[in-house]
Amino acid sequence: GGSLKLSCEASGSIFSISAMGWYRQAPGKQRDLVALVWTSGT
């Protein structure tokens, strides 16, 4: 029921990154999409 905020900072050759976001993987399961944000804002 609580809340948490994750952060991710990109560095290096960051030009032309089209999307950033998060995936997650629980034990014994595949890695799944959590959320993505595109440079368009989508």
Full PDB file with SEQRES, HELIX, SHEET, SSBOND, CRYST1, ORIGX, SCALE, CONECT and MASTER records, all heavy atoms in Angstrom:
SEQRES   1 A   42  GLY GLY SER LEU LYS LEU SER CYS GLU ALA SER GLY SER          
SEQRES   2 A   42  ILE PHE SER ILE SER ALA MET GLY TRP TYR ARG GLN ALA          
SEQRES   3 A   42  PRO GLY LYS GLN ARG ASP LEU VAL ALA LEU VAL TRP THR          
SEQRES   4 A   42  SER GLY THR                                                  
SHEET    1 AA1 2 ALA A  19  ARG A  24  0                                        
SHEET    2 AA1 2 ASP A  32  TRP A  38 -1                                        
CRYST1    1.000    1.000    1.000  90.00  90.00  90.00 P 1           1          
ORIGX1      1.000000  0.000000  0.000000        0.00000                         
ORIGX2      0.000000  1.000000  0.000000        0.00000                         
ORIGX3      0.000000  0.000000  1.000000        0.00000                         
SCALE1      1.000000  0.000000  0.000000        0.00000                         
SCALE2      0.000000  1.000000  0.000000        0.00000                         
SCALE3      0.000000  0.000000  1.000000        0.00000                         
ATOM      1  N   GLY A   1       0.796  -1.224   0.000  1.00  0.00           N  
ATOM      2  CA  GLY A   1       0.000   0.000   0.000  1.00  0.00           C  
ATOM      3  C   GLY A   1       0.824   1.267   0.000  1.00  0.00           C  
ATOM      4  O   GLY A   1       0.287   2.357  -0.187  1.00  0.00           O  
ATOM      5  N   GLY A   2       2.118   1.129   0.200  1.00  0.00           N  
ATOM      6  CA  GLY A   2       2.994   2.284   0.256  1.00  0.00           C  
ATOM      7  C   GLY A   2       3.464   2.729  -1.108  1.00  0.00           C  
ATOM      8  O   GLY A   2       3.019   2.237  -2.153  1.00  0.00           O  
ATOM      9  N   SER A   3       4.382   3.688  -1.088  1.00  0.00           N  
ATOM     10  CA  SER A   3       4.903   4.278  -2.323  1.00  0.00           C  
ATOM     11  C   SER A   3       6.423   4.273  -2.311  1.00  0.00           C  
ATOM     12  O   SER A   3       7.048   4.254  -1.249  1.00  0.00           O  
ATOM     13  CB  SER A   3       4.405   5.716  -2.486  1.00  0.00           C  
ATOM     14  OG  SER A   3       3.001   5.770  -2.582  1.00  0.00           O  
ATOM     15  N   LEU A   4       6.966   4.321  -3.502  1.00  0.00           N  
ATOM     16  CA  LEU A   4       8.414   4.359  -3.681  1.00  0.00           C  
ATOM     17  C   LEU A   4       8.689   5.051  -5.001  1.00  0.00           C  
ATOM     18  O   LEU A   4       7.915   4.907  -5.960  1.00  0.00           O  
ATOM     19  CB  LEU A   4       8.969   2.932  -3.698  1.00  0.00           C  
ATOM     20  CG  LEU A   4      10.427   2.668  -3.303  1.00  0.00           C  
ATOM     21  CD1 LEU A   4      10.664   3.123  -1.862  1.00  0.00           C  
ATOM     22  CD2 LEU A   4      10.744   1.197  -3.445  1.00  0.00           C  
ATOM     23  N   LYS A   5       9.791   5.797  -5.072  1.00  0.00           N  
ATOM     24  CA  LYS A   5      10.156   6.475  -6.314  1.00  0.00           C  
ATOM     25  C   LYS A   5      11.542   6.033  -6.744  1.00  0.00           C  
ATOM     26  O   LYS A   5      12.505   6.161  -5.990  1.00  0.00           O  
ATOM     27  CB  LYS A   5      10.121   7.990  -6.129  1.00  0.00           C  
ATOM     28  CG  LYS A   5      10.328   8.763  -7.423  1.00  0.00           C  
ATOM     29  CD  LYS A   5      10.108  10.257  -7.211  1.00  0.00           C  
ATOM     30  CE  LYS A   5      10.225  11.035  -8.504  1.00  0.00           C  
ATOM     31  NZ  LYS A   5       9.949  12.483  -8.311  1.00  0.00           N  
ATOM     32  N   LEU A   6      11.625   5.529  -7.952  1.00  0.00           N  
ATOM     33  CA  LEU A   6      12.890   5.104  -8.527  1.00  0.00           C  
ATOM     34  C   LEU A   6      13.420   6.180  -9.466  1.00  0.00           C  
ATOM     35  O   LEU A   6      12.649   6.888 -10.108  1.00  0.00           O  
ATOM     36  CB  LEU A   6      12.717   3.801  -9.310  1.00  0.00           C  
ATOM     37  CG  LEU A   6      12.041   2.629  -8.598  1.00  0.00           C  
ATOM     38  CD1 LEU A   6      12.026   1.409  -9.508  1.00  0.00           C  
ATOM     39  CD2 LEU A   6      12.701   2.337  -7.280  1.00  0.00           C  
ATOM     40  N   SER A   7      14.740   6.270  -9.532  1.00  0.00           N  
ATOM     41  CA  SER A   7      15.389   7.211 -10.441  1.00  0.00           C  
ATOM     42  C   SER A   7      16.435   6.491 -11.265  1.00  0.00           C  
ATOM     43  O   SER A   7      17.046   5.521 -10.806  1.00  0.00           O  
ATOM     44  CB  SER A   7      16.060   8.342  -9.662  1.00  0.00           C  
ATOM     45  OG  SER A   7      15.142   9.047  -8.875  1.00  0.00           O  
ATOM     46  N   CYS A   8      16.648   6.969 -12.468  1.00  0.00           N  
ATOM     47  CA  CYS A   8      17.684   6.405 -13.339  1.00  0.00           C  
ATOM     48  C   CYS A   8      18.294   7.542 -14.144  1.00  0.00           C  
ATOM     49  O   CYS A   8      17.592   8.237 -14.879  1.00  0.00           O  
ATOM     50  CB  CYS A   8      17.098   5.361 -14.270  1.00  0.00           C  
ATOM     51  SG  CYS A   8      18.285   4.722 -15.481  1.00  0.00           S  
ATOM     52  N   GLU A   9      19.599   7.697 -13.999  1.00  0.00           N  
ATOM     53  CA  GLU A   9      20.320   8.743 -14.728  1.00  0.00           C  
ATOM     54  C   GLU A   9      21.176   8.116 -15.815  1.00  0.00           C  
ATOM     55  O   GLU A   9      21.924   7.160 -15.565  1.00  0.00           O  
ATOM     56  CB  GLU A   9      21.201   9.554 -13.792  1.00  0.00           C  
ATOM     57  CG  GLU A   9      21.953  10.680 -14.508  1.00  0.00           C  
ATOM     58  CD  GLU A   9      22.787  11.520 -13.567  1.00  0.00           C  
ATOM     59  OE1 GLU A   9      22.814  11.220 -12.363  1.00  0.00           O  
ATOM     60  OE2 GLU A   9      23.431  12.488 -14.046  1.00  0.00           O  
ATOM     61  N   ALA A  10      21.065   8.660 -17.005  1.00  0.00           N  
ATOM     62  CA  ALA A  10      21.862   8.192 -18.139  1.00  0.00           C  
ATOM     63  C   ALA A  10      23.083   9.077 -18.318  1.00  0.00           C  
ATOM     64  O   ALA A  10      23.016  10.290 -18.142  1.00  0.00           O  
ATOM     65  CB  ALA A  10      21.024   8.205 -19.410  1.00  0.00           C  
ATOM     66  N   SER A  11      24.195   8.456 -18.687  1.00  0.00           N  
ATOM     67  CA  SER A  11      25.412   9.200 -18.969  1.00  0.00           C  
ATOM     68  C   SER A  11      26.155   8.507 -20.114  1.00  0.00           C  
ATOM     69  O   SER A  11      25.769   7.430 -20.572  1.00  0.00           O  
ATOM     70  CB  SER A  11      26.302   9.293 -17.727  1.00  0.00           C  
ATOM     71  OG  SER A  11      26.717   8.000 -17.317  1.00  0.00           O  
ATOM     72  N   GLY A  12      27.232   9.147 -20.544  1.00  0.00           N  
ATOM     73  CA  GLY A  12      27.989   8.588 -21.662  1.00  0.00           C  
ATOM     74  C   GLY A  12      27.501   9.165 -22.972  1.00  0.00           C  
ATOM     75  O   GLY A  12      27.157  10.335 -23.061  1.00  0.00           O  
ATOM     76  N   SER A  13      27.399   8.313 -23.976  1.00  0.00           N  
ATOM     77  CA  SER A  13      26.958   8.742 -25.300  1.00  0.00           C  
ATOM     78  C   SER A  13      25.438   8.715 -25.348  1.00  0.00           C  
ATOM     79  O   SER A  13      24.818   7.747 -25.783  1.00  0.00           O  
ATOM     80  CB  SER A  13      27.543   7.821 -26.375  1.00  0.00           C  
ATOM     81  OG  SER A  13      27.119   8.230 -27.662  1.00  0.00           O  
ATOM     82  N   ILE A  14      24.824   9.781 -24.867  1.00  0.00           N  
ATOM     83  CA  ILE A  14      23.376   9.774 -24.642  1.00  0.00           C  
ATOM     84  C   ILE A  14      22.583  10.370 -25.791  1.00  0.00           C  
ATOM     85  O   ILE A  14      21.357  10.435 -25.726  1.00  0.00           O  
ATOM     86  CB  ILE A  14      23.014  10.496 -23.341  1.00  0.00           C  
ATOM     87  CG1 ILE A  14      23.478  11.955 -23.414  1.00  0.00           C  
ATOM     88  CG2 ILE A  14      23.607   9.781 -22.134  1.00  0.00           C  
ATOM     89  CD1 ILE A  14      23.000  12.794 -22.250  1.00  0.00           C  
ATOM     90  N   PHE A  15      23.271  10.793 -26.842  1.00  0.00           N  
ATOM     91  CA  PHE A  15      22.547  11.371 -27.966  1.00  0.00           C  
ATOM     92  C   PHE A  15      21.719  10.302 -28.656  1.00  0.00           C  
ATOM     93  O   PHE A  15      22.087   9.151 -28.709  1.00  0.00           O  
ATOM     94  CB  PHE A  15      23.520  12.018 -28.953  1.00  0.00           C  
ATOM     95  CG  PHE A  15      24.297  13.142 -28.358  1.00  0.00           C  
ATOM     96  CD1 PHE A  15      25.620  12.980 -27.974  1.00  0.00           C  
ATOM     97  CD2 PHE A  15      23.697  14.371 -28.151  1.00  0.00           C  
ATOM     98  CE1 PHE A  15      26.335  14.022 -27.413  1.00  0.00           C  
ATOM     99  CE2 PHE A  15      24.401  15.421 -27.590  1.00  0.00           C  
ATOM    100  CZ  PHE A  15      25.722  15.247 -27.216  1.00  0.00           C  
ATOM    101  N   SER A  16      20.613  10.685 -29.169  1.00  0.00           N  
ATOM    102  CA  SER A  16      19.727   9.805 -29.934  1.00  0.00           C  
ATOM    103  C   SER A  16      19.103   8.693 -29.107  1.00  0.00           C  
ATOM    104  O   SER A  16      18.712   7.660 -29.650  1.00  0.00           O  
ATOM    105  CB  SER A  16      20.461   9.178 -31.134  1.00  0.00           C  
ATOM    106  OG  SER A  16      20.938  10.177 -32.005  1.00  0.00           O  
ATOM    107  N   ILE A  17      19.018   8.886 -27.788  1.00  0.00           N  
ATOM    108  CA  ILE A  17      18.223   7.953 -26.987  1.00  0.00           C  
ATOM    109  C   ILE A  17      16.763   8.221 -27.318  1.00  0.00           C  
ATOM    110  O   ILE A  17      16.284   9.337 -27.168  1.00  0.00           O  
ATOM    111  CB  ILE A  17      18.469   8.135 -25.485  1.00  0.00           C  
ATOM    112  CG1 ILE A  17      19.859   7.629 -25.116  1.00  0.00           C  
ATOM    113  CG2 ILE A  17      17.415   7.378 -24.680  1.00  0.00           C  
ATOM    114  CD1 ILE A  17      20.200   7.797 -23.640  1.00  0.00           C  
ATOM    115  N   SER A  18      16.054   7.201 -27.762  1.00  0.00           N  
ATOM    116  CA  SER A  18      14.670   7.394 -28.179  1.00  0.00           C  
ATOM    117  C   SER A  18      13.675   7.072 -27.069  1.00  0.00           C  
ATOM    118  O   SER A  18      12.540   7.559 -27.097  1.00  0.00           O  
ATOM    119  CB  SER A  18      14.355   6.567 -29.420  1.00  0.00           C  
ATOM    120  OG  SER A  18      14.715   5.216 -29.213  1.00  0.00           O  
ATOM    121  N   ALA A  19      14.086   6.255 -26.113  1.00  0.00           N  
ATOM    122  CA  ALA A  19      13.179   5.900 -25.022  1.00  0.00           C  
ATOM    123  C   ALA A  19      13.980   5.486 -23.808  1.00  0.00           C  
ATOM    124  O   ALA A  19      15.087   4.945 -23.933  1.00  0.00           O  
ATOM    125  CB  ALA A  19      12.238   4.773 -25.424  1.00  0.00           C  
ATOM    126  N   MET A  20      13.406   5.736 -22.656  1.00  0.00           N  
ATOM    127  CA  MET A  20      13.959   5.247 -21.392  1.00  0.00           C  
ATOM    128  C   MET A  20      12.819   4.729 -20.546  1.00  0.00           C  
ATOM    129  O   MET A  20      11.665   5.187 -20.686  1.00  0.00           O  
ATOM    130  CB  MET A  20      14.713   6.345 -20.643  1.00  0.00           C  
ATOM    131  CG  MET A  20      16.034   6.729 -21.240  1.00  0.00           C  
ATOM    132  SD  MET A  20      16.915   7.955 -20.229  1.00  0.00           S  
ATOM    133  CE  MET A  20      17.279   6.989 -18.746  1.00  0.00           C  
ATOM    134  N   GLY A  21      13.164   3.811 -19.663  1.00  0.00           N  
ATOM    135  CA  GLY A  21      12.098   3.314 -18.814  1.00  0.00           C  
ATOM    136  C   GLY A  21      12.569   2.219 -17.880  1.00  0.00           C  
ATOM    137  O   GLY A  21      13.760   2.140 -17.542  1.00  0.00           O  
ATOM    138  N   TRP A  22      11.619   1.367 -17.506  1.00  0.00           N  
ATOM    139  CA  TRP A  22      11.865   0.353 -16.486  1.00  0.00           C  
ATOM    140  C   TRP A  22      11.261  -0.986 -16.890  1.00  0.00           C  
ATOM    141  O   TRP A  22      10.143  -1.041 -17.433  1.00  0.00           O  
ATOM    142  CB  TRP A  22      11.248   0.794 -15.158  1.00  0.00           C  
ATOM    143  CG  TRP A  22      11.806   2.077 -14.659  1.00  0.00           C  
ATOM    144  CD1 TRP A  22      11.372   3.336 -14.930  1.00  0.00           C  
ATOM    145  CD2 TRP A  22      12.935   2.228 -13.793  1.00  0.00           C  
ATOM    146  NE1 TRP A  22      12.156   4.257 -14.293  1.00  0.00           N  
ATOM    147  CE2 TRP A  22      13.121   3.613 -13.575  1.00  0.00           C  
ATOM    148  CE3 TRP A  22      13.801   1.332 -13.149  1.00  0.00           C  
ATOM    149  CZ2 TRP A  22      14.140   4.115 -12.772  1.00  0.00           C  
ATOM    150  CZ3 TRP A  22      14.809   1.839 -12.358  1.00  0.00           C  
ATOM    151  CH2 TRP A  22      14.971   3.206 -12.167  1.00  0.00           C  
ATOM    152  N   TYR A  23      12.013  -2.016 -16.592  1.00  0.00           N  
ATOM    153  CA  TYR A  23      11.526  -3.392 -16.650  1.00  0.00           C  
ATOM    154  C   TYR A  23      11.731  -4.001 -15.270  1.00  0.00           C  
ATOM    155  O   TYR A  23      12.488  -3.461 -14.451  1.00  0.00           O  
ATOM    156  CB  TYR A  23      12.300  -4.202 -17.703  1.00  0.00           C  
ATOM    157  CG  TYR A  23      11.905  -3.910 -19.126  1.00  0.00           C  
ATOM    158  CD1 TYR A  23      12.277  -2.723 -19.752  1.00  0.00           C  
ATOM    159  CD2 TYR A  23      11.154  -4.827 -19.858  1.00  0.00           C  
ATOM    160  CE1 TYR A  23      11.905  -2.468 -21.069  1.00  0.00           C  
ATOM    161  CE2 TYR A  23      10.785  -4.580 -21.173  1.00  0.00           C  
ATOM    162  CZ  TYR A  23      11.170  -3.400 -21.773  1.00  0.00           C  
ATOM    163  OH  TYR A  23      10.806  -3.145 -23.079  1.00  0.00           O  
ATOM    164  N   ARG A  24      11.084  -5.124 -15.017  1.00  0.00           N  
ATOM    165  CA  ARG A  24      11.288  -5.819 -13.752  1.00  0.00           C  
ATOM    166  C   ARG A  24      11.275  -7.321 -13.962  1.00  0.00           C  
ATOM    167  O   ARG A  24      10.670  -7.826 -14.907  1.00  0.00           O  
ATOM    168  CB  ARG A  24      10.237  -5.402 -12.730  1.00  0.00           C  
ATOM    169  CG  ARG A  24       8.831  -5.888 -13.033  1.00  0.00           C  
ATOM    170  CD  ARG A  24       7.849  -5.308 -12.027  1.00  0.00           C  
ATOM    171  NE  ARG A  24       6.477  -5.762 -12.258  1.00  0.00           N  
ATOM    172  CZ  ARG A  24       5.418  -5.291 -11.599  1.00  0.00           C  
ATOM    173  NH1 ARG A  24       5.573  -4.357 -10.657  1.00  0.00           N  
ATOM    174  NH2 ARG A  24       4.221  -5.763 -11.866  1.00  0.00           N  
ATOM    175  N   GLN A  25      11.952  -7.985 -13.044  1.00  0.00           N  
ATOM    176  CA  GLN A  25      12.041  -9.446 -13.121  1.00  0.00           C  
ATOM    177  C   GLN A  25      11.913 -10.024 -11.719  1.00  0.00           C  
ATOM    178  O   GLN A  25      12.744  -9.747 -10.854  1.00  0.00           O  
ATOM    179  CB  GLN A  25      13.355  -9.876 -13.766  1.00  0.00           C  
ATOM    180  CG  GLN A  25      13.449 -11.353 -14.049  1.00  0.00           C  
ATOM    181  CD  GLN A  25      14.621 -11.685 -14.948  1.00  0.00           C  
ATOM    182  OE1 GLN A  25      15.568 -10.923 -15.098  1.00  0.00           O  
ATOM    183  NE2 GLN A  25      14.563 -12.856 -15.587  1.00  0.00           N  
ATOM    184  N   ALA A  26      10.867 -10.809 -11.531  1.00  0.00           N  
ATOM    185  CA  ALA A  26      10.660 -11.516 -10.269  1.00  0.00           C  
ATOM    186  C   ALA A  26      11.344 -12.887 -10.363  1.00  0.00           C  
ATOM    187  O   ALA A  26      11.572 -13.400 -11.465  1.00  0.00           O  
ATOM    188  CB  ALA A  26       9.177 -11.685  -9.998  1.00  0.00           C  
ATOM    189  N   PRO A  27      11.655 -13.496  -9.237  1.00  0.00           N  
ATOM    190  CA  PRO A  27      12.336 -14.806  -9.254  1.00  0.00           C  
ATOM    191  C   PRO A  27      11.552 -15.839 -10.057  1.00  0.00           C  
ATOM    192  O   PRO A  27      10.347 -16.004  -9.863  1.00  0.00           O  
ATOM    193  CB  PRO A  27      12.387 -15.180  -7.770  1.00  0.00           C  
ATOM    194  CG  PRO A  27      12.383 -13.885  -7.050  1.00  0.00           C  
ATOM    195  CD  PRO A  27      11.494 -12.981  -7.866  1.00  0.00           C  
ATOM    196  N   GLY A  28      12.241 -16.499 -10.972  1.00  0.00           N  
ATOM    197  CA  GLY A  28      11.620 -17.540 -11.765  1.00  0.00           C  
ATOM    198  C   GLY A  28      10.732 -17.054 -12.884  1.00  0.00           C  
ATOM    199  O   GLY A  28      10.073 -17.859 -13.545  1.00  0.00           O  
ATOM    200  N   LYS A  29      10.708 -15.733 -13.112  1.00  0.00           N  
ATOM    201  CA  LYS A  29       9.845 -15.179 -14.161  1.00  0.00           C  
ATOM    202  C   LYS A  29      10.664 -14.411 -15.182  1.00  0.00           C  
ATOM    203  O   LYS A  29      11.819 -14.088 -14.959  1.00  0.00           O  
ATOM    204  CB  LYS A  29       8.782 -14.278 -13.540  1.00  0.00           C  
ATOM    205  CG  LYS A  29       7.815 -15.012 -12.614  1.00  0.00           C  
ATOM    206  CD  LYS A  29       6.678 -14.130 -12.201  1.00  0.00           C  
ATOM    207  CE  LYS A  29       5.674 -14.895 -11.345  1.00  0.00           C  
ATOM    208  NZ  LYS A  29       4.514 -14.043 -10.941  1.00  0.00           N  
ATOM    209  N   GLN A  30      10.047 -14.104 -16.310  1.00  0.00           N  
ATOM    210  CA  GLN A  30      10.740 -13.348 -17.344  1.00  0.00           C  
ATOM    211  C   GLN A  30      10.769 -11.875 -16.983  1.00  0.00           C  
ATOM    212  O   GLN A  30      10.032 -11.413 -16.115  1.00  0.00           O  
ATOM    213  CB  GLN A  30      10.035 -13.534 -18.688  1.00  0.00           C  
ATOM    214  CG  GLN A  30       8.630 -12.933 -18.751  1.00  0.00           C  
ATOM    215  CD  GLN A  30       7.958 -13.170 -20.096  1.00  0.00           C  
ATOM    216  OE1 GLN A  30       8.325 -14.067 -20.847  1.00  0.00           O  
ATOM    217  NE2 GLN A  30       6.967 -12.354 -20.412  1.00  0.00           N  
ATOM    218  N   ARG A  31      11.628 -11.144 -17.669  1.00  0.00           N  
ATOM    219  CA  ARG A  31      11.713  -9.703 -17.469  1.00  0.00           C  
ATOM    220  C   ARG A  31      10.567  -9.043 -18.248  1.00  0.00           C  
ATOM    221  O   ARG A  31      10.434  -9.253 -19.459  1.00  0.00           O  
ATOM    222  CB  ARG A  31      13.068  -9.181 -17.949  1.00  0.00           C  
ATOM    223  CG  ARG A  31      13.366  -7.758 -17.563  1.00  0.00           C  
ATOM    224  CD  ARG A  31      14.793  -7.381 -17.907  1.00  0.00           C  
ATOM    225  NE  ARG A  31      15.780  -8.175 -17.173  1.00  0.00           N  
ATOM    226  CZ  ARG A  31      17.091  -7.932 -17.187  1.00  0.00           C  
ATOM    227  NH1 ARG A  31      17.558  -6.921 -17.904  1.00  0.00           N  
ATOM    228  NH2 ARG A  31      17.908  -8.708 -16.506  1.00  0.00           N  
ATOM    229  N   ASP A  32       9.790  -8.245 -17.550  1.00  0.00           N  
ATOM    230  CA  ASP A  32       8.602  -7.635 -18.141  1.00  0.00           C  
ATOM    231  C   ASP A  32       8.674  -6.108 -18.134  1.00  0.00           C  
ATOM    232  O   ASP A  32       9.275  -5.514 -17.238  1.00  0.00           O  
ATOM    233  CB  ASP A  32       7.342  -8.055 -17.370  1.00  0.00           C  
ATOM    234  CG  ASP A  32       6.984  -9.514 -17.584  1.00  0.00           C  
ATOM    235  OD1 ASP A  32       7.268 -10.045 -18.677  1.00  0.00           O  
ATOM    236  OD2 ASP A  32       6.412 -10.103 -16.651  1.00  0.00           O  
ATOM    237  N   LEU A  33       7.998  -5.516 -19.083  1.00  0.00           N  
ATOM    238  CA  LEU A  33       7.894  -4.059 -19.141  1.00  0.00           C  
ATOM    239  C   LEU A  33       7.110  -3.538 -17.941  1.00  0.00           C  
ATOM    240  O   LEU A  33       6.045  -4.055 -17.609  1.00  0.00           O  
ATOM    241  CB  LEU A  33       7.189  -3.640 -20.423  1.00  0.00           C  
ATOM    242  CG  LEU A  33       6.814  -2.176 -20.524  1.00  0.00           C  
ATOM    243  CD1 LEU A  33       8.041  -1.297 -20.685  1.00  0.00           C  
ATOM    244  CD2 LEU A  33       5.832  -1.932 -21.672  1.00  0.00           C  
ATOM    245  N   VAL A  34       7.663  -2.483 -17.325  1.00  0.00           N  
ATOM    246  CA  VAL A  34       6.917  -1.735 -16.320  1.00  0.00           C  
ATOM    247  C   VAL A  34       6.395  -0.449 -16.957  1.00  0.00           C  
ATOM    248  O   VAL A  34       5.191  -0.197 -16.984  1.00  0.00           O  
ATOM    249  CB  VAL A  34       7.789  -1.414 -15.101  1.00  0.00           C  
ATOM    250  CG1 VAL A  34       7.003  -0.588 -14.092  1.00  0.00           C  
ATOM    251  CG2 VAL A  34       8.315  -2.691 -14.460  1.00  0.00           C  
ATOM    252  N   ALA A  35       7.320   0.360 -17.476  1.00  0.00           N  
ATOM    253  CA  ALA A  35       6.922   1.613 -18.105  1.00  0.00           C  
ATOM    254  C   ALA A  35       8.047   2.144 -18.977  1.00  0.00           C  
ATOM    255  O   ALA A  35       9.226   1.945 -18.671  1.00  0.00           O  
ATOM    256  CB  ALA A  35       6.556   2.661 -17.050  1.00  0.00           C  
ATOM    257  N   LEU A  36       7.673   2.808 -20.054  1.00  0.00           N  
ATOM    258  CA  LEU A  36       8.616   3.461 -20.955  1.00  0.00           C  
ATOM    259  C   LEU A  36       8.116   4.857 -21.254  1.00  0.00           C  
ATOM    260  O   LEU A  36       6.900   5.077 -21.351  1.00  0.00           O  
ATOM    261  CB  LEU A  36       8.725   2.699 -22.273  1.00  0.00           C  
ATOM    262  CG  LEU A  36       9.641   1.489 -22.377  1.00  0.00           C  
ATOM    263  CD1 LEU A  36       9.509   0.867 -23.759  1.00  0.00           C  
ATOM    264  CD2 LEU A  36      11.080   1.882 -22.110  1.00  0.00           C  
ATOM    265  N   VAL A  37       9.062   5.790 -21.431  1.00  0.00           N  
ATOM    266  CA  VAL A  37       8.710   7.116 -21.921  1.00  0.00           C  
ATOM    267  C   VAL A  37       9.594   7.420 -23.115  1.00  0.00           C  
ATOM    268  O   VAL A  37      10.813   7.241 -23.065  1.00  0.00           O  
ATOM    269  CB  VAL A  37       8.833   8.195 -20.817  1.00  0.00           C  
ATOM    270  CG1 VAL A  37      10.227   8.267 -20.226  1.00  0.00           C  
ATOM    271  CG2 VAL A  37       8.405   9.556 -21.354  1.00  0.00           C  
ATOM    272  N   TRP A  38       8.963   7.852 -24.197  1.00  0.00           N  
ATOM    273  CA  TRP A  38       9.661   8.151 -25.433  1.00  0.00           C  
ATOM    274  C   TRP A  38       9.986   9.638 -25.490  1.00  0.00           C  
ATOM    275  O   TRP A  38       9.380  10.438 -24.779  1.00  0.00           O  
ATOM    276  CB  TRP A  38       8.806   7.745 -26.629  1.00  0.00           C  
ATOM    277  CG  TRP A  38       8.525   6.272 -26.642  1.00  0.00           C  
ATOM    278  CD1 TRP A  38       7.569   5.610 -25.930  1.00  0.00           C  
ATOM    279  CD2 TRP A  38       9.221   5.273 -27.391  1.00  0.00           C  
ATOM    280  NE1 TRP A  38       7.629   4.263 -26.172  1.00  0.00           N  
ATOM    281  CE2 TRP A  38       8.625   4.029 -27.078  1.00  0.00           C  
ATOM    282  CE3 TRP A  38      10.267   5.298 -28.294  1.00  0.00           C  
ATOM    283  CZ2 TRP A  38       9.069   2.824 -27.636  1.00  0.00           C  
ATOM    284  CZ3 TRP A  38      10.700   4.107 -28.854  1.00  0.00           C  
ATOM    285  CH2 TRP A  38      10.107   2.882 -28.524  1.00  0.00           C  
ATOM    286  N   THR A  39      10.927  10.005 -26.358  1.00  0.00           N  
ATOM    287  CA  THR A  39      11.309  11.414 -26.466  1.00  0.00           C  
ATOM    288  C   THR A  39      10.131  12.264 -26.918  1.00  0.00           C  
ATOM    289  O   THR A  39      10.094  13.463 -26.665  1.00  0.00           O  
ATOM    290  CB  THR A  39      12.479  11.594 -27.432  1.00  0.00           C  
ATOM    291  OG1 THR A  39      12.187  10.945 -28.673  1.00  0.00           O  
ATOM    292  CG2 THR A  39      13.756  11.000 -26.847  1.00  0.00           C  
ATOM    293  N   SER A  40       9.172  11.635 -27.571  1.00  0.00           N  
ATOM    294  CA  SER A  40       7.965  12.352 -27.991  1.00  0.00           C  
ATOM    295  C   SER A  40       7.055  12.676 -26.820  1.00  0.00           C  
ATOM    296  O   SER A  40       6.125  13.482 -26.941  1.00  0.00           O  
ATOM    297  CB  SER A  40       7.186  11.504 -29.004  1.00  0.00           C  
ATOM    298  OG  SER A  40       6.721  10.317 -28.401  1.00  0.00           O  
ATOM    299  N   GLY A  41       7.309  12.001 -25.691  1.00  0.00           N  
ATOM    300  CA  GLY A  41       6.434  12.167 -24.537  1.00  0.00           C  
ATOM    301  C   GLY A  41       5.435  11.028 -24.372  1.00  0.00           C  
ATOM    302  O   GLY A  41       4.784  10.916 -23.337  1.00  0.00           O  
ATOM    303  N   THR A  42       5.325  10.201 -25.390  1.00  0.00           N  
ATOM    304  CA  THR A  42       4.447   9.034 -25.293  1.00  0.00           C  
ATOM    305  C   THR A  42       4.934   8.084 -24.209  1.00  0.00           C  
ATOM    306  O   THR A  42       6.144   7.906 -24.048  1.00  0.00           O  
ATOM    307  CB  THR A  42       4.405   8.301 -26.636  1.00  0.00           C  
ATOM    308  OG1 THR A  42       3.891   9.184 -27.635  1.00  0.00           O  
ATOM    309  CG2 THR A  42       3.530   7.057 -26.566  1.00  0.00           C  
TER     310      THR A  42                                                      
MASTER        0    0    0    0    2    0    0    6  309    1    0    4          
END                                                                             
